Amino acid sequence: MREVAFSIIDMHDKRWPHLLDVDSQVQLLLPSLVENLGLPRELNYVLIPKGTNLPLDGRHTLAEYRIPSGAELYLRPLRDHLLKMFLDKLYDEVKDEIKKQLIDSAKEKLKQILQLDPAYPDPLRLKERLLGSISQAPLSNAPAQQPQYQYQKQPKARAGKGCLIAGIVGGGATLFLAGAVVLSIFILPSLLKTSSGSPTGISTEPVLGTGDVQVTLRWDAPVDLDLHVTDPSGEEISFTHPTSNSGGNLDVDANPNCDAMVANPVENVFWPYGGAPTGQYQVSVVYFSNCNYSGPINYEVTIKQNNQVIKVLTGTVNESGESQFVASFNK
């Protein structure tokens, strides 16, 4: 065991010195960090090196990532449905305790919500009631308008990919930005849809890998959908785990994090000839991000074996975070 000193940054940007075993998988380091910082243990967490927004894959070690001694690592809860359920429950408890005038307990629970997710919606303005200067008037029983707020899966990490942010100042840049917004909201969606509402399949589609098994996802709008394929051993291939021990590979991933948007989005998972295991495969589609687009998204999944189509399935997803099981098939 090789323990090295790191600085762990919590949700309040407070730094905590910790000795971490650089030869242990990240997922094995997280429980002790969560316990030491007094965070709820039932949630999922990730470590993110300062200066990036890419969570570390829990199956790898700090040594494999070559993270130097003294580096600063953010410890953050994963913004998924488990976190949303936990925060929703806390929020309801805060509301009930205000009604019962258990103000001190409500304040502590509200602070925990804000610590885990400062962007959590507050339709009843409980933050101002408890932590601000607004008088504590009785809560209305009328339902409040809930802000649109979606919890999603872990942000997509692209190995070896950097990020360049360029700032342009001037009237020309402003006009260009306005034109881009109009294009993305009003023009691009209509160009991507056909009269039947099915994926367009434009001829500029990238070359897709094929072999014993091939699963391809196409859709009809400028959003980020994700293809998930589980092999007979139970190992799932997706953007967070693009290759499997059985030889499967996610070779095309369209519109990742709403970046490098394309007009004919497609994702593809395949096993090369002679490499796919025998057994049952399962296919799912996840609506990762709406990329500021609204409306239902039509998709099409094509399943091939030995480059021969065996199934073509269609479906529709409606909101970010939605996951749909599409099909299972045997090889």
C-alpha atoms as a PDB file:
ATOM      1  CA  MET A   1       0.000   0.000   0.000  1.00  0.00           C
ATOM      2  CA  ARG A   2       1.367   3.404  -1.020  1.00  0.00           C
ATOM      3  CA  GLU A   3      -0.356   6.269   0.780  1.00  0.00           C
ATOM      4  CA  VAL A   4       0.048   9.732  -0.705  1.00  0.00           C
ATOM      5  CA  ALA A   5      -1.260  13.074   0.584  1.00  0.00           C
ATOM      6  CA  PHE A   6      -4.076  14.727  -1.396  1.00  0.00           C
ATOM      7  CA  SER A   7      -6.408  17.654  -0.784  1.00  0.00           C
ATOM      8  CA  ILE A   8     -10.116  16.761  -0.922  1.00  0.00           C
ATOM      9  CA  ILE A   9     -12.466  19.659  -1.719  1.00  0.00           C
ATOM     10  CA  ASP A  10     -16.023  19.376  -0.389  1.00  0.00           C
ATOM     11  CA  MET A  11     -19.216  21.046  -1.675  1.00  0.00           C
ATOM     12  CA  HIS A  12     -18.392  24.254   0.224  1.00  0.00           C
ATOM     13  CA  ASP A  13     -14.935  24.400  -1.391  1.00  0.00           C
ATOM     14  CA  LYS A  14     -13.332  23.593   1.948  1.00  0.00           C
ATOM     15  CA  ARG A  15     -10.126  21.571   1.631  1.00  0.00           C
ATOM     16  CA  TRP A  16      -9.436  18.491   3.716  1.00  0.00           C
ATOM     17  CA  PRO A  17      -6.008  16.785   3.746  1.00  0.00           C
ATOM     18  CA  HIS A  18      -6.186  13.033   3.233  1.00  0.00           C
ATOM     19  CA  LEU A  19      -3.775  10.163   2.762  1.00  0.00           C
ATOM     20  CA  LEU A  20      -5.003   7.949  -0.064  1.00  0.00           C
ATOM     21  CA  ASP A  21      -3.741   4.604  -1.299  1.00  0.00           C
ATOM     22  CA  VAL A  22      -2.763   5.344  -4.898  1.00  0.00           C
ATOM     23  CA  ASP A  23      -2.781   1.619  -5.749  1.00  0.00           C
ATOM     24  CA  SER A  24      -6.417   1.055  -4.696  1.00  0.00           C
ATOM     25  CA  GLN A  25      -9.338   1.499  -7.057  1.00  0.00           C
ATOM     26  CA  VAL A  26     -11.035   4.879  -6.700  1.00  0.00           C
ATOM     27  CA  GLN A  27     -14.352   3.182  -5.863  1.00  0.00           C
ATOM     28  CA  LEU A  28     -12.686   1.596  -2.817  1.00  0.00           C
ATOM     29  CA  LEU A  29     -11.407   4.987  -1.577  1.00  0.00           C
ATOM     30  CA  LEU A  30     -14.784   6.734  -1.720  1.00  0.00           C
ATOM     31  CA  PRO A  31     -16.533   5.147   1.338  1.00  0.00           C
ATOM     32  CA  SER A  32     -13.914   6.374   3.830  1.00  0.00           C
ATOM     33  CA  LEU A  33     -13.862   9.844   2.252  1.00  0.00           C
ATOM     34  CA  VAL A  34     -17.639  10.084   2.422  1.00  0.00           C
ATOM     35  CA  GLU A  35     -17.630   8.960   6.069  1.00  0.00           C
ATOM     36  CA  ASN A  36     -14.867  11.396   7.056  1.00  0.00           C
ATOM     37  CA  LEU A  37     -16.750  14.324   5.521  1.00  0.00           C
ATOM     38  CA  GLY A  38     -20.001  13.283   7.180  1.00  0.00           C
ATOM     39  CA  LEU A  39     -21.916  12.838   3.910  1.00  0.00           C
ATOM     40  CA  PRO A  40     -24.895  10.508   3.395  1.00  0.00           C
ATOM     41  CA  ARG A  41     -23.479   7.064   2.658  1.00  0.00           C
ATOM     42  CA  GLU A  42     -26.461   5.871   0.626  1.00  0.00           C
ATOM     43  CA  LEU A  43     -25.631   8.183  -2.298  1.00  0.00           C
ATOM     44  CA  ASN A  44     -23.197   7.719  -5.175  1.00  0.00           C
ATOM     45  CA  TYR A  45     -20.085   9.912  -5.320  1.00  0.00           C
ATOM     46  CA  VAL A  46     -17.268  10.689  -7.755  1.00  0.00           C
ATOM     47  CA  LEU A  47     -13.796  12.199  -7.517  1.00  0.00           C
ATOM     48  CA  ILE A  48     -12.974  14.969 -10.000  1.00  0.00           C
ATOM     49  CA  PRO A  49      -9.408  16.366 -10.331  1.00  0.00           C
ATOM     50  CA  LYS A  50      -9.338  20.156  -9.997  1.00  0.00           C
ATOM     51  CA  GLY A  51      -9.010  21.853 -13.360  1.00  0.00           C
ATOM     52  CA  THR A  52     -11.151  19.281 -15.148  1.00  0.00           C
ATOM     53  CA  ASN A  53     -14.822  18.314 -15.119  1.00  0.00           C
ATOM     54  CA  LEU A  54     -14.100  14.652 -15.809  1.00  0.00           C
ATOM     55  CA  PRO A  55     -14.932  12.211 -12.973  1.00  0.00           C
ATOM     56  CA  LEU A  56     -12.411   9.449 -12.377  1.00  0.00           C
ATOM     57  CA  ASP A  57     -13.482   5.965 -13.414  1.00  0.00           C
ATOM     58  CA  GLY A  58     -13.928   4.081 -10.128  1.00  0.00           C
ATOM     59  CA  ARG A  59     -12.349   0.925 -11.551  1.00  0.00           C
ATOM     60  CA  HIS A  60      -8.944   2.570 -11.952  1.00  0.00           C
ATOM     61  CA  THR A  61      -6.375   3.756  -9.429  1.00  0.00           C
ATOM     62  CA  LEU A  62      -4.894   7.179  -8.787  1.00  0.00           C
ATOM     63  CA  ALA A  63      -1.540   5.741  -9.838  1.00  0.00           C
ATOM     64  CA  GLU A  64      -2.977   4.690 -13.197  1.00  0.00           C
ATOM     65  CA  TYR A  65      -4.239   8.231 -13.722  1.00  0.00           C
ATOM     66  CA  ARG A  66      -0.768   9.529 -12.724  1.00  0.00           C
ATOM     67  CA  ILE A  67      -2.273  12.064 -10.352  1.00  0.00           C
ATOM     68  CA  PRO A  68       0.624  13.701  -8.483  1.00  0.00           C
ATOM     69  CA  SER A  69       1.025  13.999  -4.726  1.00  0.00           C
ATOM     70  CA  GLY A  70      -0.720  17.044  -3.290  1.00  0.00           C
ATOM     71  CA  ALA A  71      -3.268  17.252  -6.109  1.00  0.00           C
ATOM     72  CA  GLU A  72      -6.698  18.673  -5.307  1.00  0.00           C
ATOM     73  CA  LEU A  73      -9.696  16.390  -5.865  1.00  0.00           C
ATOM     74  CA  TYR A  74     -13.354  17.405  -5.714  1.00  0.00           C
ATOM     75  CA  LEU A  75     -15.652  14.933  -3.935  1.00  0.00           C
ATOM     76  CA  ARG A  76     -19.132  15.336  -5.384  1.00  0.00           C
ATOM     77  CA  PRO A  77     -22.399  13.376  -5.258  1.00  0.00           C
ATOM     78  CA  LEU A  78     -23.344  11.962  -8.627  1.00  0.00           C
ATOM     79  CA  ARG A  79     -26.346  13.875  -9.980  1.00  0.00           C
ATOM     80  CA  ASP A  80     -28.579  10.903 -10.654  1.00  0.00           C
ATOM     81  CA  HIS A  81     -32.090   9.814  -9.716  1.00  0.00           C
ATOM     82  CA  LEU A  82     -30.899   8.410  -6.392  1.00  0.00           C
ATOM     83  CA  LEU A  83     -29.681  11.875  -5.352  1.00  0.00           C
ATOM     84  CA  LYS A  84     -32.934  13.443  -6.565  1.00  0.00           C
ATOM     85  CA  MET A  85     -35.047  11.030  -4.530  1.00  0.00           C
ATOM     86  CA  PHE A  86     -32.928  11.699  -1.441  1.00  0.00           C
ATOM     87  CA  LEU A  87     -33.163  15.494  -1.829  1.00  0.00           C
ATOM     88  CA  ASP A  88     -36.875  15.402  -2.624  1.00  0.00           C
ATOM     89  CA  LYS A  89     -37.462  13.500   0.621  1.00  0.00           C
ATOM     90  CA  LEU A  90     -35.403  16.022   2.601  1.00  0.00           C
ATOM     91  CA  TYR A  91     -37.265  18.918   0.998  1.00  0.00           C
ATOM     92  CA  ASP A  92     -40.624  17.427   1.973  1.00  0.00           C
ATOM     93  CA  GLU A  93     -39.352  16.987   5.532  1.00  0.00           C
ATOM     94  CA  VAL A  94     -38.246  20.637   5.631  1.00  0.00           C
ATOM     95  CA  LYS A  95     -41.706  21.730   4.469  1.00  0.00           C
ATOM     96  CA  ASP A  96     -43.454  19.567   7.085  1.00  0.00           C
ATOM     97  CA  GLU A  97     -41.208  20.749   9.888  1.00  0.00           C
ATOM     98  CA  ILE A  98     -41.810  24.403   9.030  1.00  0.00           C
ATOM     99  CA  LYS A  99     -45.542  23.739   9.346  1.00  0.00           C
ATOM    100  CA  LYS A 100     -44.862  22.185  12.759  1.00  0.00           C
ATOM    101  CA  GLN A 101     -42.487  25.064  13.631  1.00  0.00           C
ATOM    102  CA  LEU A 102     -39.510  22.696  14.035  1.00  0.00           C
ATOM    103  CA  ILE A 103     -37.397  25.463  12.567  1.00  0.00           C
ATOM    104  CA  ASP A 104     -33.936  24.440  13.783  1.00  0.00           C
ATOM    105  CA  SER A 105     -34.328  20.900  12.421  1.00  0.00           C
ATOM    106  CA  ALA A 106     -35.682  22.260   9.129  1.00  0.00           C
ATOM    107  CA  LYS A 107     -32.699  24.608   8.802  1.00  0.00           C
ATOM    108  CA  GLU A 108     -30.245  21.745   9.220  1.00  0.00           C
ATOM    109  CA  LYS A 109     -31.965  19.634   6.586  1.00  0.00           C
ATOM    110  CA  LEU A 110     -32.132  22.551   4.173  1.00  0.00           C
ATOM    111  CA  LYS A 111     -28.414  23.184   4.651  1.00  0.00           C
ATOM    112  CA  GLN A 112     -27.779  19.509   3.850  1.00  0.00           C
ATOM    113  CA  ILE A 113     -29.761  19.863   0.611  1.00  0.00           C
ATOM    114  CA  LEU A 114     -27.752  22.928  -0.402  1.00  0.00           C
ATOM    115  CA  GLN A 115     -24.500  21.220   0.523  1.00  0.00           C
ATOM    116  CA  LEU A 116     -25.237  18.195  -1.669  1.00  0.00           C
ATOM    117  CA  ASP A 117     -26.673  20.204  -4.569  1.00  0.00           C
ATOM    118  CA  PRO A 118     -26.728  24.037  -4.432  1.00  0.00           C
ATOM    119  CA  ALA A 119     -28.782  24.103  -7.651  1.00  0.00           C
ATOM    120  CA  TYR A 120     -31.648  22.038  -6.212  1.00  0.00           C
ATOM    121  CA  PRO A 121     -34.965  23.796  -7.067  1.00  0.00           C
ATOM    122  CA  ASP A 122     -36.731  25.674  -4.282  1.00  0.00           C
ATOM    123  CA  PRO A 123     -40.300  26.368  -5.522  1.00  0.00           C
ATOM    124  CA  LEU A 124     -41.571  27.257  -2.022  1.00  0.00           C
ATOM    125  CA  ARG A 125     -38.639  29.638  -1.380  1.00  0.00           C
ATOM    126  CA  LEU A 126     -37.733  27.730   1.784  1.00  0.00           C
ATOM    127  CA  LYS A 127     -34.163  28.951   1.527  1.00  0.00           C
ATOM    128  CA  GLU A 128     -35.311  32.544   1.929  1.00  0.00           C
ATOM    129  CA  ARG A 129     -37.781  31.631   4.674  1.00  0.00           C
ATOM    130  CA  LEU A 130     -35.230  29.792   6.782  1.00  0.00           C
ATOM    131  CA  LEU A 131     -31.841  31.237   5.884  1.00  0.00           C
ATOM    132  CA  GLY A 132     -32.839  34.702   4.671  1.00  0.00           C
ATOM    133  CA  SER A 133     -34.726  37.654   6.079  1.00  0.00           C
ATOM    134  CA  ILE A 134     -38.245  36.797   4.859  1.00  0.00           C
ATOM    135  CA  SER A 135     -40.772  36.397   7.663  1.00  0.00           C
ATOM    136  CA  GLN A 136     -41.941  32.850   8.228  1.00  0.00           C
ATOM    137  CA  ALA A 137     -45.504  33.065   6.950  1.00  0.00           C
ATOM    138  CA  PRO A 138     -47.585  29.874   6.974  1.00  0.00           C
ATOM    139  CA  LEU A 139     -47.012  27.643   3.981  1.00  0.00           C
ATOM    140  CA  SER A 140     -49.791  27.564   1.432  1.00  0.00           C
ATOM    141  CA  ASN A 141     -51.336  24.225   0.585  1.00  0.00           C
ATOM    142  CA  ALA A 142     -51.602  25.284  -3.055  1.00  0.00           C
ATOM    143  CA  PRO A 143     -49.097  23.437  -5.275  1.00  0.00           C
ATOM    144  CA  ALA A 144     -46.139  25.569  -6.301  1.00  0.00           C
ATOM    145  CA  GLN A 145     -44.812  25.710  -9.846  1.00  0.00           C
ATOM    146  CA  GLN A 146     -41.863  23.331  -9.929  1.00  0.00           C
ATOM    147  CA  PRO A 147     -38.906  24.639 -11.969  1.00  0.00           C
ATOM    148  CA  GLN A 148     -37.719  22.482 -14.852  1.00  0.00           C
ATOM    149  CA  TYR A 149     -34.703  20.648 -13.472  1.00  0.00           C
ATOM    150  CA  GLN A 150     -33.358  17.332 -14.645  1.00  0.00           C
ATOM    151  CA  TYR A 151     -31.023  14.933 -12.880  1.00  0.00           C
ATOM    152  CA  GLN A 152     -28.867  12.978 -15.242  1.00  0.00           C
ATOM    153  CA  LYS A 153     -26.163  10.414 -15.233  1.00  0.00           C
ATOM    154  CA  GLN A 154     -22.516  11.055 -14.603  1.00  0.00           C
ATOM    155  CA  PRO A 155     -20.955  13.671 -16.950  1.00  0.00           C
ATOM    156  CA  LYS A 156     -19.302  12.057 -19.916  1.00  0.00           C
ATOM    157  CA  ALA A 157     -15.576  11.570 -19.630  1.00  0.00           C
ATOM    158  CA  ARG A 158     -13.583  11.405 -22.848  1.00  0.00           C
ATOM    159  CA  ALA A 159     -10.123   9.918 -22.387  1.00  0.00           C
ATOM    160  CA  GLY A 160      -7.349  12.100 -23.745  1.00  0.00           C
ATOM    161  CA  LYS A 161      -9.701  14.860 -24.846  1.00  0.00           C
ATOM    162  CA  GLY A 162      -9.034  18.436 -23.792  1.00  0.00           C
ATOM    163  CA  CYS A 163     -11.288  21.455 -23.762  1.00  0.00           C
ATOM    164  CA  LEU A 164     -10.552  24.789 -25.426  1.00  0.00           C
ATOM    165  CA  ILE A 165     -12.622  27.831 -24.403  1.00  0.00           C
ATOM    166  CA  ALA A 166     -12.276  30.867 -26.632  1.00  0.00           C
ATOM    167  CA  GLY A 167     -13.788  34.263 -25.786  1.00  0.00           C
ATOM    168  CA  ILE A 168     -14.623  36.703 -28.559  1.00  0.00           C
ATOM    169  CA  VAL A 169     -15.608  40.306 -27.826  1.00  0.00           C
ATOM    170  CA  GLY A 170     -17.471  42.540 -30.287  1.00  0.00           C
ATOM    171  CA  GLY A 171     -20.725  43.136 -32.076  1.00  0.00           C
ATOM    172  CA  GLY A 172     -19.981  40.579 -34.783  1.00  0.00           C
ATOM    173  CA  ALA A 173     -19.622  37.832 -32.186  1.00  0.00           C
ATOM    174  CA  THR A 174     -22.934  38.825 -30.615  1.00  0.00           C
ATOM    175  CA  LEU A 175     -24.728  38.628 -33.964  1.00  0.00           C
ATOM    176  CA  PHE A 176     -23.093  35.275 -34.697  1.00  0.00           C
ATOM    177  CA  LEU A 177     -24.217  33.895 -31.321  1.00  0.00           C
ATOM    178  CA  ALA A 178     -27.780  35.127 -31.830  1.00  0.00           C
ATOM    179  CA  GLY A 179     -27.881  33.511 -35.248  1.00  0.00           C
ATOM    180  CA  ALA A 180     -26.594  30.241 -33.830  1.00  0.00           C
ATOM    181  CA  VAL A 181     -29.320  30.224 -31.168  1.00  0.00           C
ATOM    182  CA  VAL A 182     -32.027  30.824 -33.785  1.00  0.00           C
ATOM    183  CA  LEU A 183     -30.560  28.068 -35.953  1.00  0.00           C
ATOM    184  CA  SER A 184     -30.389  25.532 -33.107  1.00  0.00           C
ATOM    185  CA  ILE A 185     -33.865  26.261 -31.723  1.00  0.00           C
ATOM    186  CA  PHE A 186     -36.012  26.932 -34.783  1.00  0.00           C
ATOM    187  CA  ILE A 187     -34.300  25.722 -37.940  1.00  0.00           C
ATOM    188  CA  LEU A 188     -32.123  22.718 -37.109  1.00  0.00           C
ATOM    189  CA  PRO A 189     -34.883  20.622 -35.457  1.00  0.00           C
ATOM    190  CA  SER A 190     -37.120  20.964 -38.506  1.00  0.00           C
ATOM    191  CA  LEU A 191     -34.303  19.995 -40.826  1.00  0.00           C
ATOM    192  CA  LEU A 192     -33.631  16.869 -38.810  1.00  0.00           C
ATOM    193  CA  LYS A 193     -37.206  15.581 -38.894  1.00  0.00           C
ATOM    194  CA  THR A 194     -38.913  13.840 -41.782  1.00  0.00           C
ATOM    195  CA  SER A 195     -42.643  13.939 -42.490  1.00  0.00           C
ATOM    196  CA  SER A 196     -43.041  10.539 -40.824  1.00  0.00           C
ATOM    197  CA  GLY A 197     -41.158  11.588 -37.695  1.00  0.00           C
ATOM    198  CA  SER A 198     -38.602   8.809 -38.000  1.00  0.00           C
ATOM    199  CA  PRO A 199     -34.804   9.236 -38.023  1.00  0.00           C
ATOM    200  CA  THR A 200     -33.547  10.689 -41.257  1.00  0.00           C
ATOM    201  CA  GLY A 201     -30.436   8.584 -41.978  1.00  0.00           C
ATOM    202  CA  ILE A 202     -28.489  11.246 -43.910  1.00  0.00           C
ATOM    203  CA  SER A 203     -25.725   9.920 -46.167  1.00  0.00           C
ATOM    204  CA  THR A 204     -22.941  11.656 -44.227  1.00  0.00           C
ATOM    205  CA  GLU A 205     -23.127   9.012 -41.478  1.00  0.00           C
ATOM    206  CA  PRO A 206     -19.689   7.905 -40.206  1.00  0.00           C
ATOM    207  CA  VAL A 207     -18.284   4.460 -40.957  1.00  0.00           C
ATOM    208  CA  LEU A 208     -19.655   2.019 -38.372  1.00  0.00           C
ATOM    209  CA  GLY A 209     -17.890  -1.026 -37.021  1.00  0.00           C
ATOM    210  CA  THR A 210     -19.548  -4.354 -37.724  1.00  0.00           C
ATOM    211  CA  GLY A 211     -18.967  -8.064 -37.076  1.00  0.00           C
ATOM    212  CA  ASP A 212     -20.636 -10.924 -35.229  1.00  0.00           C
ATOM    213  CA  VAL A 213     -22.979  -8.499 -33.455  1.00  0.00           C
ATOM    214  CA  GLN A 214     -23.746  -4.855 -34.244  1.00  0.00           C
ATOM    215  CA  VAL A 215     -26.274  -2.563 -32.528  1.00  0.00           C
ATOM    216  CA  THR A 216     -26.856   0.908 -33.988  1.00  0.00           C
ATOM    217  CA  LEU A 217     -28.932   3.787 -32.583  1.00  0.00           C
ATOM    218  CA  ARG A 218     -30.153   6.686 -34.743  1.00  0.00           C
ATOM    219  CA  TRP A 219     -32.446   9.569 -33.770  1.00  0.00           C
ATOM    220  CA  ASP A 220     -34.077  12.644 -35.239  1.00  0.00           C
ATOM    221  CA  ALA A 221     -33.235  15.719 -33.137  1.00  0.00           C
ATOM    222  CA  PRO A 222     -30.229  17.755 -31.857  1.00  0.00           C
ATOM    223  CA  VAL A 223     -30.044  16.049 -28.455  1.00  0.00           C
ATOM    224  CA  ASP A 224     -27.740  13.563 -26.746  1.00  0.00           C
ATOM    225  CA  LEU A 225     -29.103  10.030 -26.605  1.00  0.00           C
ATOM    226  CA  ASP A 226     -26.979   7.123 -25.412  1.00  0.00           C
ATOM    227  CA  LEU A 227     -26.886   3.498 -26.479  1.00  0.00           C
ATOM    228  CA  HIS A 228     -26.374   0.845 -23.781  1.00  0.00           C
ATOM    229  CA  VAL A 229     -25.725  -2.799 -24.702  1.00  0.00           C
ATOM    230  CA  THR A 230     -25.260  -5.540 -22.096  1.00  0.00           C
ATOM    231  CA  ASP A 231     -23.426  -8.693 -23.174  1.00  0.00           C
ATOM    232  CA  PRO A 232     -24.211 -12.267 -22.018  1.00  0.00           C
ATOM    233  CA  SER A 233     -21.835 -11.944 -19.046  1.00  0.00           C
ATOM    234  CA  GLY A 234     -23.763  -8.921 -17.737  1.00  0.00           C
ATOM    235  CA  GLU A 235     -21.135  -6.330 -18.670  1.00  0.00           C
ATOM    236  CA  GLU A 236     -22.691  -3.147 -20.045  1.00  0.00           C
ATOM    237  CA  ILE A 237     -21.149  -1.049 -22.804  1.00  0.00           C
ATOM    238  CA  SER A 238     -21.974   2.677 -22.795  1.00  0.00           C
ATOM    239  CA  PHE A 239     -20.216   6.050 -22.944  1.00  0.00           C
ATOM    240  CA  THR A 240     -18.802   5.527 -19.440  1.00  0.00           C
ATOM    241  CA  HIS A 241     -17.578   2.017 -20.324  1.00  0.00           C
ATOM    242  CA  PRO A 242     -16.954   1.941 -24.097  1.00  0.00           C
ATOM    243  CA  THR A 243     -15.239  -1.461 -24.258  1.00  0.00           C
ATOM    244  CA  SER A 244     -15.979  -4.804 -22.641  1.00  0.00           C
ATOM    245  CA  ASN A 245     -13.897  -7.809 -21.690  1.00  0.00           C
ATOM    246  CA  SER A 246     -15.844  -9.814 -24.280  1.00  0.00           C
ATOM    247  CA  GLY A 247     -14.511  -7.600 -27.094  1.00  0.00           C
ATOM    248  CA  GLY A 248     -17.460  -5.240 -27.568  1.00  0.00           C
ATOM    249  CA  ASN A 249     -16.739  -1.649 -28.499  1.00  0.00           C
ATOM    250  CA  LEU A 250     -18.669   1.643 -28.656  1.00  0.00           C
ATOM    251  CA  ASP A 251     -16.957   3.121 -31.703  1.00  0.00           C
ATOM    252  CA  VAL A 252     -19.312   6.031 -32.517  1.00  0.00           C
ATOM    253  CA  ASP A 253     -20.886   8.356 -29.900  1.00  0.00           C
ATOM    254  CA  ALA A 254     -22.839  11.319 -31.314  1.00  0.00           C
ATOM    255  CA  ASN A 255     -23.492  14.713 -29.677  1.00  0.00           C
ATOM    256  CA  PRO A 256     -21.539  13.906 -26.464  1.00  0.00           C
ATOM    257  CA  ASN A 257     -22.425  16.463 -23.759  1.00  0.00           C
ATOM    258  CA  CYS A 258     -24.131  18.511 -26.536  1.00  0.00           C
ATOM    259  CA  ASP A 259     -20.669  19.047 -28.038  1.00  0.00           C
ATOM    260  CA  ALA A 260     -19.753  18.701 -31.740  1.00  0.00           C
ATOM    261  CA  MET A 261     -23.419  18.368 -32.687  1.00  0.00           C
ATOM    262  CA  VAL A 262     -24.162  16.520 -35.919  1.00  0.00           C
ATOM    263  CA  ALA A 263     -27.218  16.521 -38.159  1.00  0.00           C
ATOM    264  CA  ASN A 264     -27.421  12.723 -38.375  1.00  0.00           C
ATOM    265  CA  PRO A 265     -26.704  11.458 -34.841  1.00  0.00           C
ATOM    266  CA  VAL A 266     -25.774   7.805 -34.543  1.00  0.00           C
ATOM    267  CA  GLU A 267     -24.211   5.537 -31.920  1.00  0.00           C
ATOM    268  CA  ASN A 268     -22.821   2.087 -32.613  1.00  0.00           C
ATOM    269  CA  VAL A 269     -21.708  -0.905 -30.539  1.00  0.00           C
ATOM    270  CA  PHE A 270     -20.182  -3.963 -32.206  1.00  0.00           C
ATOM    271  CA  TRP A 271     -18.246  -7.173 -31.616  1.00  0.00           C
ATOM    272  CA  PRO A 272     -15.761  -8.102 -34.372  1.00  0.00           C
ATOM    273  CA  TYR A 273     -16.129 -11.251 -36.426  1.00  0.00           C
ATOM    274  CA  GLY A 274     -15.330 -14.324 -34.354  1.00  0.00           C
ATOM    275  CA  GLY A 275     -15.339 -12.288 -31.125  1.00  0.00           C
ATOM    276  CA  ALA A 276     -18.894 -12.057 -29.795  1.00  0.00           C
ATOM    277  CA  PRO A 277     -19.845 -14.420 -26.956  1.00  0.00           C
ATOM    278  CA  THR A 278     -22.853 -16.708 -27.210  1.00  0.00           C
ATOM    279  CA  GLY A 279     -25.896 -15.861 -25.125  1.00  0.00           C
ATOM    280  CA  GLN A 280     -28.430 -13.111 -24.543  1.00  0.00           C
ATOM    281  CA  TYR A 281     -27.770  -9.422 -25.253  1.00  0.00           C
ATOM    282  CA  GLN A 282     -29.882  -6.532 -23.932  1.00  0.00           C
ATOM    283  CA  VAL A 283     -30.295  -3.092 -25.516  1.00  0.00           C
ATOM    284  CA  SER A 284     -31.427   0.159 -23.866  1.00  0.00           C
ATOM    285  CA  VAL A 285     -31.625   3.806 -24.895  1.00  0.00           C
ATOM    286  CA  VAL A 286     -31.010   6.654 -22.416  1.00  0.00           C
ATOM    287  CA  TYR A 287     -32.005  10.283 -23.011  1.00  0.00           C
ATOM    288  CA  PHE A 288     -28.865  11.902 -21.572  1.00  0.00           C
ATOM    289  CA  SER A 289     -29.406  15.628 -22.360  1.00  0.00           C
ATOM    290  CA  ASN A 290     -31.916  17.736 -24.289  1.00  0.00           C
ATOM    291  CA  CYS A 291     -29.253  20.282 -25.391  1.00  0.00           C
ATOM    292  CA  ASN A 292     -31.885  23.074 -25.074  1.00  0.00           C
ATOM    293  CA  TYR A 293     -34.254  21.237 -27.424  1.00  0.00           C
ATOM    294  CA  SER A 294     -37.832  20.485 -26.390  1.00  0.00           C
ATOM    295  CA  GLY A 295     -40.232  17.899 -27.670  1.00  0.00           C
ATOM    296  CA  PRO A 296     -40.377  14.112 -28.102  1.00  0.00           C
ATOM    297  CA  ILE A 297     -37.395  12.359 -29.703  1.00  0.00           C
ATOM    298  CA  ASN A 298     -37.942   9.504 -32.139  1.00  0.00           C
ATOM    299  CA  TYR A 299     -35.223   6.871 -32.345  1.00  0.00           C
ATOM    300  CA  GLU A 300     -34.463   3.718 -34.300  1.00  0.00           C
ATOM    301  CA  VAL A 301     -32.342   0.757 -33.182  1.00  0.00           C
ATOM    302  CA  THR A 302     -30.952  -1.674 -35.778  1.00  0.00           C
ATOM    303  CA  ILE A 303     -29.575  -5.026 -34.645  1.00  0.00           C
ATOM    304  CA  LYS A 304     -27.335  -7.005 -36.984  1.00  0.00           C
ATOM    305  CA  GLN A 305     -25.555 -10.345 -36.792  1.00  0.00           C
ATOM    306  CA  ASN A 306     -22.829 -11.118 -39.304  1.00  0.00           C
ATOM    307  CA  ASN A 307     -23.787  -7.854 -41.018  1.00  0.00           C
ATOM    308  CA  GLN A 308     -27.340  -9.098 -41.608  1.00  0.00           C
ATOM    309  CA  VAL A 309     -30.265  -7.135 -40.122  1.00  0.00           C
ATOM    310  CA  ILE A 310     -32.263  -9.252 -37.659  1.00  0.00           C
ATOM    311  CA  LYS A 311     -34.316  -6.501 -35.943  1.00  0.00           C
ATOM    312  CA  VAL A 312     -35.261  -2.861 -36.482  1.00  0.00           C
ATOM    313  CA  LEU A 313     -37.052  -1.260 -33.544  1.00  0.00           C
ATOM    314  CA  THR A 314     -38.395   2.257 -33.030  1.00  0.00           C
ATOM    315  CA  GLY A 315     -39.382   4.257 -29.978  1.00  0.00           C
ATOM    316  CA  THR A 316     -39.797   7.709 -28.490  1.00  0.00           C
ATOM    317  CA  VAL A 317     -38.260   9.391 -25.443  1.00  0.00           C
ATOM    318  CA  ASN A 318     -39.616  12.615 -23.968  1.00  0.00           C
ATOM    319  CA  GLU A 319     -37.340  14.034 -21.269  1.00  0.00           C
ATOM    320  CA  SER A 320     -33.740  14.036 -20.047  1.00  0.00           C
ATOM    321  CA  GLY A 321     -32.906  11.208 -17.683  1.00  0.00           C
ATOM    322  CA  GLU A 322     -35.427   8.832 -19.275  1.00  0.00           C
ATOM    323  CA  SER A 323     -34.218   5.281 -19.901  1.00  0.00           C
ATOM    324  CA  GLN A 324     -35.993   2.758 -22.120  1.00  0.00           C
ATOM    325  CA  PHE A 325     -35.360  -0.960 -22.514  1.00  0.00           C
ATOM    326  CA  VAL A 326     -35.515  -1.654 -26.253  1.00  0.00           C
ATOM    327  CA  ALA A 327     -34.946  -5.368 -26.832  1.00  0.00           C
ATOM    328  CA  SER A 328     -33.082  -8.533 -25.973  1.00  0.00           C
ATOM    329  CA  PHE A 329     -31.719 -10.995 -28.500  1.00  0.00           C
ATOM    330  CA  ASN A 330     -29.650 -14.150 -28.587  1.00  0.00           C
ATOM    331  CA  LYS A 331     -26.551 -14.989 -30.560  1.00  0.00           C
END
